[in-house]
Amino acid sequence: MAKLSEKIGYGFGDMASSMFWKVFSYYLPFFYSNIFGLSLVDAGILVLVTRLWDAVSDPMMGIIADRTKTKWGKYRPYLLWVAAPFSICGILLFTTPDWGYAGKLVWAYVTYILMMTVYTGINVPYGAMLGVMSENPKEKTVFSSFRMFFAYGGSFIALASWEPLCKMFDERWGFSPQSSWQAAMIVIAIACFILFLCCFKLTKERIKTVSVVSIGKDFKSLLSNSPWWLLIGAALCYNLFATVRGATVAYFFADVIGNDAHIVIFSLSLLFYSGLFLSVGEVANMIGVALTVPIAGALGKKTTFILVNAALIGLSILFFFVPVSPTGYWWMLLLQIAISILTGIMSPLVWSMYADVSDYAELRYRTASTGLIFSSSSMAQKFGGAIGGAAVMWLLDACGYIARPEGQETMMIVQPESALSCLWMLMTWIPAGVALLAIVVVWFYPLTTRKMNGIVEELKRLRLEPVEAPAEDFANTNT
């Protein structure tokens, strides 16, 4: 059994990644259209096109990591090697050069591609570590839960502090809106750098796996791995659900809720703003993570996935009927808490299911392609973010949304009714439809608890025997 310090250390890694990822997912579209100065259409194309690079870079990184050999292991060294480039690229991403529109658009493409490349370089190996830190499926779920608990903790810190940091640099220090967003990212980047180093120091790879097949056969076995395909589809839906809602929040609060909405707690009046809404959701996510192990242990991972998405459908539709009023703000906050608890259950569940798919692949194909398989999870996350972020901006543009002038993110604008209706749909019915699709996909996922128990026992035996290349039909009866 791994020590508590190692589980916490593993959590530090995704705490760092999530601080960046949530800021990217929730504020980068708004930054590009209202601070940086891109049109909604160009910003949407940018988000989508740059993520297509991940279709190549993620599997490439998985293959490289699978074949890395150092005294620290296969995957862990990348936490040390890529921590500094990761932080630097994040700062560059939120830097607004004093150039013309075409020059700024090129800058945005270059810095976004760089950021996604280094994110792949550190996050794919980090995720793959889950497959070699323990051979026990239950302990992998525990590691995954620690990972996501700290991830949401980092997200909470980043989201709760982001707007106050921007305002502090803007109002107290006299920075321009562009410079204040850059300065806020510098603060976040320093914290992430330290967390990655702590993750490297506290963790350990225990399982040594060796691939005895070529890169081509690794890909062939991956493409014939039906549980992998189904899990990719389910993970893509999960990330699409989260990104569509998250990327819409800044617009929703700016144009539906307004800048002066308040909720009253006893005699205390609090500003009801997007940062509060999102950060409360991150705390609720942490509650969901804590519930994952007992719920998945009792119901099984597949059943838990289906029931959680069914509940997300109902809660998302209910949000549509909440009025924009002081009482309605409370209902919005409560529904955000409930939805976030459910998505908090989903995150470690999905990562743990990828570890199961990795074990399935090792048994059936005799290939230690953990990095390649986990790279696909990163790819699904990024594609979900790309499609979701781009769709939000394109739909808003199609519905007549009026972007604010560059640097005037707090400026009040009366949006057309079509744009306001679009914002409501993006917060409610569209995510509900995505959750329904996730249920349909995972319904056919075959790796139940019973099947995984058999796979793990067989792997324990095989890992003690000499490694041989697989027969084409190996383990068909065990899968």
Protein backbone atom coordinates (compact mmCIF):
# COMPACT_ATOMS: atom_id res chain seq x y z
CA MET A 1 0.00 0.00 0.00
CA ALA A 2 1.26 3.48 -0.87
CA LYS A 3 1.84 6.04 1.86
CA LEU A 4 -0.54 8.96 2.39
CA SER A 5 2.27 11.38 1.47
CA GLU A 6 2.57 9.73 -1.96
CA LYS A 7 -1.15 10.02 -2.61
CA ILE A 8 -1.03 13.68 -1.64
CA GLY A 9 2.06 14.16 -3.79
CA TYR A 10 0.30 12.60 -6.76
CA GLY A 11 -2.60 14.97 -6.17
CA PHE A 12 -0.24 17.96 -6.37
CA GLY A 13 0.43 17.16 -10.03
CA ASP A 14 -3.16 17.59 -11.17
CA MET A 15 -3.61 20.48 -8.76
CA ALA A 16 -1.07 22.33 -10.90
CA SER A 17 -2.52 21.18 -14.23
CA SER A 18 -6.07 22.02 -13.21
CA MET A 19 -5.20 25.54 -12.06
CA PHE A 20 -4.14 26.23 -15.63
CA TRP A 21 -6.79 24.12 -17.33
CA LYS A 22 -9.77 25.68 -15.58
CA VAL A 23 -8.54 29.21 -16.26
CA PHE A 24 -8.07 28.23 -19.92
CA SER A 25 -11.47 26.56 -20.17
CA TYR A 26 -13.51 29.19 -18.35
CA TYR A 27 -11.74 32.49 -19.02
CA LEU A 28 -9.65 32.12 -22.18
CA PRO A 29 -12.62 32.49 -24.61
CA PHE A 30 -13.69 35.63 -22.73
CA PHE A 31 -10.07 36.84 -22.67
CA TYR A 32 -9.66 36.44 -26.42
CA SER A 33 -12.93 38.15 -27.32
CA ASN A 34 -13.04 40.92 -24.67
CA ILE A 35 -9.45 41.56 -23.49
CA PHE A 36 -7.10 40.40 -26.25
CA GLY A 37 -9.36 41.78 -28.97
CA LEU A 38 -10.19 38.90 -31.33
CA SER A 39 -13.56 38.46 -32.99
CA LEU A 40 -15.77 35.64 -31.74
CA VAL A 41 -15.41 33.78 -35.03
CA ASP A 42 -11.60 34.05 -35.09
CA ALA A 43 -11.36 33.11 -31.43
CA GLY A 44 -13.54 30.05 -32.01
CA ILE A 45 -11.45 28.90 -34.98
CA LEU A 46 -8.28 29.49 -32.95
CA VAL A 47 -9.47 27.34 -30.05
CA LEU A 48 -10.55 24.52 -32.35
CA VAL A 49 -7.65 24.49 -34.83
CA THR A 50 -4.87 24.67 -32.25
CA ARG A 51 -6.34 21.70 -30.39
CA LEU A 52 -6.15 19.58 -33.55
CA TRP A 53 -2.41 19.47 -32.96
CA ASP A 54 -3.22 17.46 -29.85
CA ALA A 55 -4.53 14.65 -32.06
CA VAL A 56 -0.88 14.16 -33.03
CA SER A 57 1.04 15.37 -29.99
CA ASP A 58 -0.83 13.35 -27.35
CA PRO A 59 -0.25 9.88 -28.89
CA MET A 60 3.32 10.91 -29.76
CA MET A 61 3.95 11.85 -26.15
CA GLY A 62 2.39 8.62 -24.96
CA ILE A 63 4.70 6.58 -27.20
CA ILE A 64 7.76 8.58 -26.11
CA ALA A 65 6.88 8.20 -22.43
CA ASP A 66 6.26 4.44 -22.79
CA ARG A 67 9.79 4.06 -24.14
CA THR A 68 11.56 6.39 -21.71
CA LYS A 69 14.07 4.74 -19.37
CA THR A 70 15.59 6.63 -16.44
CA LYS A 71 16.50 5.93 -12.83
CA TRP A 72 13.24 7.71 -11.88
CA GLY A 73 11.05 5.55 -14.13
CA LYS A 74 9.20 6.10 -17.41
CA TYR A 75 6.76 8.89 -16.64
CA ARG A 76 7.81 10.65 -13.45
CA PRO A 77 10.87 12.46 -14.94
CA TYR A 78 8.65 14.64 -17.13
CA LEU A 79 7.27 16.35 -14.02
CA LEU A 80 10.78 17.69 -13.44
CA TRP A 81 11.75 18.37 -17.05
CA VAL A 82 8.62 20.20 -18.25
CA ALA A 83 7.53 22.15 -15.13
CA ALA A 84 9.35 25.38 -16.08
CA PRO A 85 8.31 25.44 -19.79
CA PHE A 86 4.72 24.76 -18.67
CA SER A 87 4.66 27.83 -16.43
CA ILE A 88 6.41 30.10 -18.95
CA CYS A 89 4.04 29.17 -21.79
CA GLY A 90 1.03 29.88 -19.57
CA ILE A 91 2.29 33.41 -19.00
CA LEU A 92 2.91 33.94 -22.73
CA LEU A 93 -0.62 32.71 -23.50
CA PHE A 94 -2.13 35.53 -21.43
CA THR A 95 0.25 38.17 -22.81
CA THR A 96 -1.26 40.75 -25.18
CA PRO A 97 1.37 42.25 -27.54
CA ASP A 98 0.94 45.82 -28.75
CA TRP A 99 0.60 44.77 -32.38
CA GLY A 100 -1.95 45.02 -35.15
CA TYR A 101 -4.83 42.54 -35.44
CA ALA A 102 -3.01 40.15 -37.80
CA GLY A 103 0.11 40.11 -35.62
CA LYS A 104 -1.92 39.45 -32.49
CA LEU A 105 -3.77 36.62 -34.20
CA VAL A 106 -0.45 34.97 -35.13
CA TRP A 107 0.78 35.47 -31.54
CA ALA A 108 -2.37 33.82 -30.23
CA TYR A 109 -1.91 30.78 -32.49
CA VAL A 110 1.77 30.36 -31.64
CA THR A 111 1.37 30.72 -27.87
CA TYR A 112 -1.72 28.49 -27.75
CA ILE A 113 0.03 25.73 -29.70
CA LEU A 114 3.09 26.02 -27.45
CA MET A 115 0.93 25.85 -24.34
CA MET A 116 -0.95 22.78 -25.50
CA THR A 117 2.34 21.09 -26.48
CA VAL A 118 3.95 21.52 -23.07
CA TYR A 119 0.65 20.65 -21.38
CA THR A 120 0.78 17.36 -23.28
CA GLY A 121 4.44 16.95 -22.38
CA ILE A 122 3.73 16.97 -18.66
CA ASN A 123 0.13 15.82 -18.35
CA VAL A 124 0.27 12.65 -20.47
CA PRO A 125 3.17 11.13 -18.48
CA TYR A 126 1.57 12.32 -15.24
CA GLY A 127 -1.69 10.58 -16.08
CA ALA A 128 0.11 7.41 -17.18
CA MET A 129 1.81 7.23 -13.78
CA LEU A 130 -1.49 6.01 -12.36
CA GLY A 131 -1.02 2.74 -14.24
CA VAL A 132 2.40 1.99 -12.68
CA MET A 133 2.03 3.26 -9.11
CA SER A 134 -0.11 0.30 -8.01
CA GLU A 135 -1.48 -2.93 -9.49
CA ASN A 136 -4.58 -2.89 -7.27
CA PRO A 137 -7.67 -1.51 -9.10
CA LYS A 138 -9.17 -0.20 -5.86
CA GLU A 139 -5.97 1.59 -4.90
CA LYS A 140 -5.85 3.09 -8.39
CA THR A 141 -9.31 4.52 -7.73
CA VAL A 142 -8.00 5.92 -4.43
CA PHE A 143 -5.02 7.51 -6.22
CA SER A 144 -7.39 8.86 -8.85
CA SER A 145 -9.64 10.29 -6.13
CA PHE A 146 -6.70 12.03 -4.45
CA ARG A 147 -5.71 13.34 -7.84
CA MET A 148 -9.11 14.83 -8.56
CA PHE A 149 -9.63 16.11 -4.99
CA PHE A 150 -6.45 18.16 -5.27
CA ALA A 151 -7.28 19.07 -8.86
CA TYR A 152 -10.54 20.65 -7.79
CA GLY A 153 -8.79 22.26 -4.83
CA GLY A 154 -6.37 23.88 -7.27
CA SER A 155 -9.24 24.88 -9.54
CA PHE A 156 -11.02 26.47 -6.60
CA ILE A 157 -7.94 28.50 -5.70
CA ALA A 158 -7.38 29.60 -9.30
CA LEU A 159 -11.01 30.49 -10.03
CA ALA A 160 -11.70 32.15 -6.69
CA SER A 161 -8.57 34.27 -6.95
CA TRP A 162 -8.52 35.00 -10.68
CA GLU A 163 -10.91 37.97 -10.84
CA PRO A 164 -9.69 39.46 -7.52
CA LEU A 165 -6.10 39.19 -8.79
CA CYS A 166 -7.00 40.88 -12.06
CA LYS A 167 -8.85 43.64 -10.22
CA MET A 168 -6.00 44.10 -7.73
CA PHE A 169 -3.44 44.61 -10.49
CA ASP A 170 -5.90 46.78 -12.44
CA GLU A 171 -7.38 48.99 -9.71
CA ARG A 172 -4.72 49.02 -6.98
CA TRP A 173 -1.57 48.88 -9.09
CA GLY A 174 -2.89 50.76 -12.12
CA PHE A 175 -2.21 48.02 -14.69
CA SER A 176 -4.11 47.96 -17.97
CA PRO A 177 -6.69 45.17 -18.32
CA GLN A 178 -4.29 43.27 -20.58
CA SER A 179 -1.35 43.62 -18.16
CA SER A 180 -3.49 42.72 -15.15
CA TRP A 181 -4.56 39.43 -16.75
CA GLN A 182 -0.91 38.66 -17.54
CA ALA A 183 0.18 39.47 -13.97
CA ALA A 184 -2.55 37.25 -12.53
CA MET A 185 -1.26 34.37 -14.67
CA ILE A 186 2.30 34.94 -13.42
CA VAL A 187 1.07 34.36 -9.86
CA ILE A 188 -0.72 31.16 -10.89
CA ALA A 189 2.27 29.95 -12.94
CA ILE A 190 4.71 30.23 -10.01
CA ALA A 191 2.38 28.16 -7.82
CA CYS A 192 2.06 25.49 -10.52
CA PHE A 193 5.83 25.21 -10.95
CA ILE A 194 6.30 24.52 -7.22
CA LEU A 195 3.47 21.95 -7.16
CA PHE A 196 4.95 19.94 -10.04
CA LEU A 197 8.30 19.76 -8.29
CA CYS A 198 6.58 18.53 -5.11
CA CYS A 199 4.74 15.87 -7.13
CA PHE A 200 8.03 14.63 -8.58
CA LYS A 201 9.64 14.49 -5.14
CA LEU A 202 6.85 12.60 -3.36
CA THR A 203 5.81 9.96 -5.91
CA LYS A 204 7.27 6.64 -7.06
CA GLU A 205 6.78 4.20 -9.94
CA ARG A 206 6.42 0.63 -8.60
CA ILE A 207 5.41 -1.44 -11.62
CA LYS A 208 7.98 -1.92 -14.36
CA THR A 209 6.33 -2.73 -17.67
CA VAL A 210 8.05 -3.40 -20.97
CA SER A 211 6.45 -3.28 -24.42
CA VAL A 212 7.61 -6.14 -26.65
CA VAL A 213 5.82 -4.93 -29.77
CA SER A 214 6.54 -2.18 -32.29
CA ILE A 215 4.98 1.28 -32.32
CA GLY A 216 2.85 0.20 -35.27
CA LYS A 217 1.50 -2.79 -33.37
CA ASP A 218 0.88 -0.57 -30.35
CA PHE A 219 -1.36 1.60 -32.51
CA LYS A 220 -3.00 -1.43 -34.11
CA SER A 221 -3.84 -2.94 -30.74
CA LEU A 222 -5.15 0.43 -29.53
CA LEU A 223 -7.44 0.87 -32.54
CA SER A 224 -8.84 -2.65 -32.09
CA ASN A 225 -9.45 -2.07 -28.36
CA SER A 226 -13.24 -1.66 -28.18
CA PRO A 227 -13.37 -0.64 -24.48
CA TRP A 228 -10.90 2.14 -25.32
CA TRP A 229 -13.13 3.48 -28.10
CA LEU A 230 -16.18 3.49 -25.86
CA LEU A 231 -14.35 5.17 -23.00
CA ILE A 232 -12.95 7.81 -25.37
CA GLY A 233 -16.51 8.61 -26.46
CA ALA A 234 -17.76 8.77 -22.88
CA ALA A 235 -14.83 10.93 -21.75
CA LEU A 236 -15.30 13.27 -24.69
CA CYS A 237 -18.95 13.76 -23.71
CA TYR A 238 -18.00 14.38 -20.07
CA ASN A 239 -15.42 17.02 -21.02
CA LEU A 240 -17.80 18.58 -23.53
CA PHE A 241 -20.48 18.87 -20.82
CA ALA A 242 -18.08 20.59 -18.43
CA THR A 243 -16.55 22.90 -21.03
CA VAL A 244 -19.78 24.12 -22.58
CA ARG A 245 -21.15 25.13 -19.17
CA GLY A 246 -17.83 26.48 -17.94
CA ALA A 247 -17.01 28.55 -21.03
CA THR A 248 -20.52 30.04 -20.98
CA VAL A 249 -20.43 31.20 -17.34
CA ALA A 250 -18.40 34.41 -17.87
CA TYR A 251 -20.74 35.47 -20.68
CA PHE A 252 -23.83 34.38 -18.73
CA PHE A 253 -22.93 36.50 -15.72
CA ALA A 254 -21.87 39.49 -17.80
CA ASP A 255 -25.08 39.60 -19.85
CA VAL A 256 -27.81 37.68 -17.99
CA ILE A 257 -26.97 38.17 -14.31
CA GLY A 258 -25.18 41.53 -14.58
CA ASN A 259 -22.34 43.08 -12.58
CA ASP A 260 -24.29 44.19 -9.51
CA ALA A 261 -26.23 41.05 -8.50
CA HIS A 262 -26.01 40.09 -4.82
CA ILE A 263 -27.03 37.19 -2.62
CA VAL A 264 -27.75 37.69 1.07
CA ILE A 265 -26.45 35.30 3.74
CA PHE A 266 -28.12 36.31 6.99
CA SER A 267 -27.19 40.01 7.10
CA LEU A 268 -24.18 39.71 4.81
CA SER A 269 -24.60 40.73 1.17
CA LEU A 270 -22.22 39.02 -1.26
CA LEU A 271 -21.58 39.92 -4.89
CA PHE A 272 -22.94 37.12 -7.08
CA TYR A 273 -20.30 36.94 -9.82
CA SER A 274 -18.86 34.27 -12.10
CA GLY A 275 -15.81 33.63 -9.90
CA LEU A 276 -18.03 32.85 -6.90
CA PHE A 277 -20.28 30.59 -8.98
CA LEU A 278 -17.33 28.66 -10.42
CA SER A 279 -15.27 28.42 -7.22
CA VAL A 280 -18.24 27.14 -5.22
CA GLY A 281 -18.59 24.52 -7.93
CA GLU A 282 -14.97 23.48 -7.41
CA VAL A 283 -15.56 22.94 -3.68
CA ALA A 284 -18.61 20.84 -4.57
CA ASN A 285 -16.44 18.90 -7.04
CA MET A 286 -14.15 18.00 -4.12
CA ILE A 287 -17.15 16.58 -2.25
CA GLY A 288 -18.00 14.48 -5.30
CA VAL A 289 -14.44 13.18 -5.50
CA ALA A 290 -14.61 12.08 -1.86
CA LEU A 291 -17.81 10.15 -2.66
CA THR A 292 -16.38 8.36 -5.70
CA VAL A 293 -14.64 5.46 -3.96
CA PRO A 294 -17.59 4.34 -1.79
CA ILE A 295 -20.19 4.85 -4.53
CA ALA A 296 -18.19 3.18 -7.31
CA GLY A 297 -17.21 0.41 -4.90
CA ALA A 298 -20.85 -0.29 -4.11
CA LEU A 299 -22.39 0.16 -7.58
CA GLY A 300 -19.49 -0.49 -9.95
CA LYS A 301 -17.88 2.08 -12.23
CA LYS A 302 -20.16 1.60 -15.23
CA THR A 303 -23.40 1.84 -13.24
CA THR A 304 -22.11 4.89 -11.37
CA PHE A 305 -21.27 6.60 -14.66
CA ILE A 306 -24.78 6.02 -16.05
CA LEU A 307 -26.63 7.15 -12.92
CA VAL A 308 -24.53 10.28 -12.51
CA ASN A 309 -25.21 11.37 -16.08
CA ALA A 310 -28.92 10.70 -15.68
CA ALA A 311 -28.93 13.04 -12.68
CA LEU A 312 -26.95 15.66 -14.65
CA ILE A 313 -29.65 15.65 -17.32
CA GLY A 314 -32.40 16.38 -14.80
CA LEU A 315 -30.49 19.10 -12.92
CA SER A 316 -29.38 20.84 -16.12
CA ILE A 317 -32.96 21.05 -17.39
CA LEU A 318 -34.16 22.30 -13.99
CA PHE A 319 -31.63 25.18 -14.20
CA PHE A 320 -33.46 26.45 -17.29
CA PHE A 321 -36.56 27.28 -15.24
CA VAL A 322 -34.80 29.30 -12.53
CA PRO A 323 -35.77 33.00 -12.57
CA VAL A 324 -33.22 35.83 -12.67
CA SER A 325 -33.97 37.22 -9.21
CA PRO A 326 -32.42 37.26 -5.72
CA THR A 327 -34.25 34.02 -4.91
CA GLY A 328 -33.29 32.60 -8.28
CA TYR A 329 -29.61 33.33 -7.60
CA TRP A 330 -29.78 31.01 -4.61
CA TRP A 331 -31.37 28.29 -6.71
CA MET A 332 -28.68 28.74 -9.35
CA LEU A 333 -26.00 28.36 -6.70
CA LEU A 334 -27.64 25.26 -5.21
CA LEU A 335 -28.01 23.65 -8.63
CA GLN A 336 -24.39 24.49 -9.40
CA ILE A 337 -23.38 22.71 -6.18
CA ALA A 338 -25.43 19.62 -7.04
CA ILE A 339 -24.19 19.48 -10.64
CA SER A 340 -20.60 19.96 -9.50
CA ILE A 341 -20.82 17.17 -6.91
CA LEU A 342 -21.89 14.85 -9.73
CA THR A 343 -19.13 15.99 -12.12
CA GLY A 344 -16.72 15.57 -9.20
CA ILE A 345 -17.69 11.90 -9.04
CA MET A 346 -17.13 11.59 -12.78
CA SER A 347 -13.54 12.82 -12.93
CA PRO A 348 -11.72 10.15 -10.85
CA LEU A 349 -14.12 7.56 -12.22
CA VAL A 350 -13.06 8.21 -15.81
CA TRP A 351 -9.33 8.23 -14.99
CA SER A 352 -9.68 5.00 -13.06
CA MET A 353 -11.50 3.44 -16.01
CA TYR A 354 -8.55 4.36 -18.25
CA ALA A 355 -6.29 2.42 -15.88
CA ASP A 356 -8.65 -0.56 -16.33
CA VAL A 357 -8.43 -0.23 -20.11
CA SER A 358 -4.63 -0.19 -19.79
CA ASP A 359 -4.69 -3.46 -17.83
CA TYR A 360 -7.09 -4.96 -20.39
CA ALA A 361 -4.70 -3.99 -23.21
CA GLU A 362 -1.67 -5.42 -21.41
CA LEU A 363 -3.44 -8.75 -20.90
CA ARG A 364 -4.96 -9.11 -24.35
CA TYR A 365 -2.19 -7.64 -26.50
CA ARG A 366 0.84 -8.10 -24.20
CA THR A 367 1.82 -4.48 -24.78
CA ALA A 368 2.76 -2.02 -22.05
CA SER A 369 1.14 0.97 -23.78
CA THR A 370 0.00 2.76 -20.62
CA GLY A 371 1.29 6.13 -21.83
CA LEU A 372 -0.39 5.75 -25.22
CA ILE A 373 -3.72 4.84 -23.62
CA PHE A 374 -3.58 7.68 -21.09
CA SER A 375 -2.56 10.09 -23.84
CA SER A 376 -5.94 9.38 -25.40
CA SER A 377 -7.60 10.57 -22.20
CA SER A 378 -5.71 13.83 -22.46
CA MET A 379 -6.71 14.02 -26.12
CA ALA A 380 -10.38 13.52 -25.22
CA GLN A 381 -10.09 16.24 -22.58
CA LYS A 382 -8.59 18.68 -25.06
CA PHE A 383 -10.99 17.83 -27.88
CA GLY A 384 -13.90 18.24 -25.48
CA GLY A 385 -12.50 21.60 -24.46
CA ALA A 386 -11.82 22.62 -28.06
CA ILE A 387 -15.23 21.64 -29.41
CA GLY A 388 -17.02 23.06 -26.38
CA GLY A 389 -15.13 26.35 -26.31
CA ALA A 390 -15.40 26.89 -30.06
CA ALA A 391 -19.08 25.92 -30.12
CA VAL A 392 -19.89 28.46 -27.41
CA MET A 393 -18.30 31.32 -29.35
CA TRP A 394 -19.69 30.28 -32.72
CA LEU A 395 -23.23 29.84 -31.39
CA LEU A 396 -23.08 33.22 -29.65
CA ASP A 397 -21.86 34.87 -32.85
CA ALA A 398 -24.61 33.17 -34.87
CA CYS A 399 -27.20 34.41 -32.36
CA GLY A 400 -26.04 38.03 -32.63
CA TYR A 401 -23.97 38.33 -29.45
CA ILE A 402 -22.31 41.75 -29.17
CA ALA A 403 -18.70 41.54 -27.95
CA ARG A 404 -17.35 44.29 -25.72
CA PRO A 405 -14.67 46.68 -26.98
CA GLU A 406 -11.11 45.54 -26.28
CA GLY A 407 -10.26 45.88 -22.58
CA GLN A 408 -13.80 46.88 -21.55
CA GLU A 409 -14.88 43.55 -20.06
CA THR A 410 -17.14 45.18 -17.43
CA MET A 411 -18.94 47.45 -19.89
CA MET A 412 -22.72 46.96 -19.85
CA ILE A 413 -24.22 46.04 -23.23
CA VAL A 414 -27.84 45.24 -24.02
CA GLN A 415 -27.71 41.94 -25.85
CA PRO A 416 -30.42 40.88 -28.34
CA GLU A 417 -32.98 38.37 -27.11
CA SER A 418 -31.56 35.72 -29.43
CA ALA A 419 -28.14 35.96 -27.73
CA LEU A 420 -29.66 35.76 -24.26
CA SER A 421 -31.70 32.69 -25.25
CA CYS A 422 -28.54 31.11 -26.61
CA LEU A 423 -26.76 31.67 -23.27
CA TRP A 424 -29.61 29.94 -21.42
CA MET A 425 -29.48 26.97 -23.82
CA LEU A 426 -25.72 26.69 -23.40
CA MET A 427 -26.15 26.49 -19.63
CA THR A 428 -28.99 23.97 -19.65
CA TRP A 429 -30.45 21.99 -22.57
CA ILE A 430 -27.26 21.58 -24.61
CA PRO A 431 -25.25 20.08 -21.69
CA ALA A 432 -28.24 17.86 -20.89
CA GLY A 433 -28.15 16.49 -24.43
CA VAL A 434 -24.43 15.77 -24.13
CA ALA A 435 -24.99 13.87 -20.87
CA LEU A 436 -27.67 11.75 -22.59
CA LEU A 437 -25.20 10.88 -25.34
CA ALA A 438 -22.64 9.84 -22.68
CA ILE A 439 -25.15 7.36 -21.23
CA VAL A 440 -25.77 5.82 -24.66
CA VAL A 441 -22.02 5.38 -25.27
CA VAL A 442 -21.05 3.89 -21.90
CA TRP A 443 -24.02 1.50 -21.96
CA PHE A 444 -21.92 -0.76 -24.19
CA TYR A 445 -18.70 -0.51 -22.12
CA PRO A 446 -17.73 -4.14 -21.26
CA LEU A 447 -15.19 -3.82 -18.41
CA THR A 448 -17.38 -4.52 -15.39
CA THR A 449 -16.01 -5.03 -11.87
CA ARG A 450 -16.25 -8.80 -12.26
CA LYS A 451 -14.29 -8.81 -15.52
CA MET A 452 -11.61 -6.48 -14.12
CA ASN A 453 -11.05 -8.72 -11.10
CA GLY A 454 -10.28 -11.60 -13.45
CA ILE A 455 -7.97 -9.48 -15.59
CA VAL A 456 -5.97 -8.27 -12.57
CA GLU A 457 -5.44 -11.79 -11.24
CA GLU A 458 -4.26 -13.00 -14.63
CA LEU A 459 -1.87 -10.04 -14.96
CA LYS A 460 -0.33 -10.80 -11.56
CA ARG A 461 0.53 -14.27 -12.80
CA LEU A 462 1.82 -13.14 -16.19
CA ARG A 463 4.06 -10.43 -14.74
CA LEU A 464 5.97 -13.14 -12.87
CA GLU A 465 6.59 -15.07 -16.09
CA PRO A 466 8.94 -14.28 -19.00
CA VAL A 467 7.49 -11.73 -21.41
CA GLU A 468 6.45 -13.16 -24.77
CA ALA A 469 4.87 -11.69 -27.83
CA PRO A 470 1.10 -12.24 -27.93
CA ALA A 471 -0.82 -14.61 -30.08
CA GLU A 472 -3.48 -12.92 -32.14
CA ASP A 473 -6.36 -14.40 -30.16
CA PHE A 474 -4.65 -14.26 -26.72
CA ALA A 475 -6.93 -13.79 -23.73
CA ASN A 476 -10.11 -13.62 -25.76
CA THR A 477 -11.78 -15.78 -23.15
CA ASN A 478 -10.60 -13.52 -20.34
CA THR A 479 -11.95 -10.28 -21.70
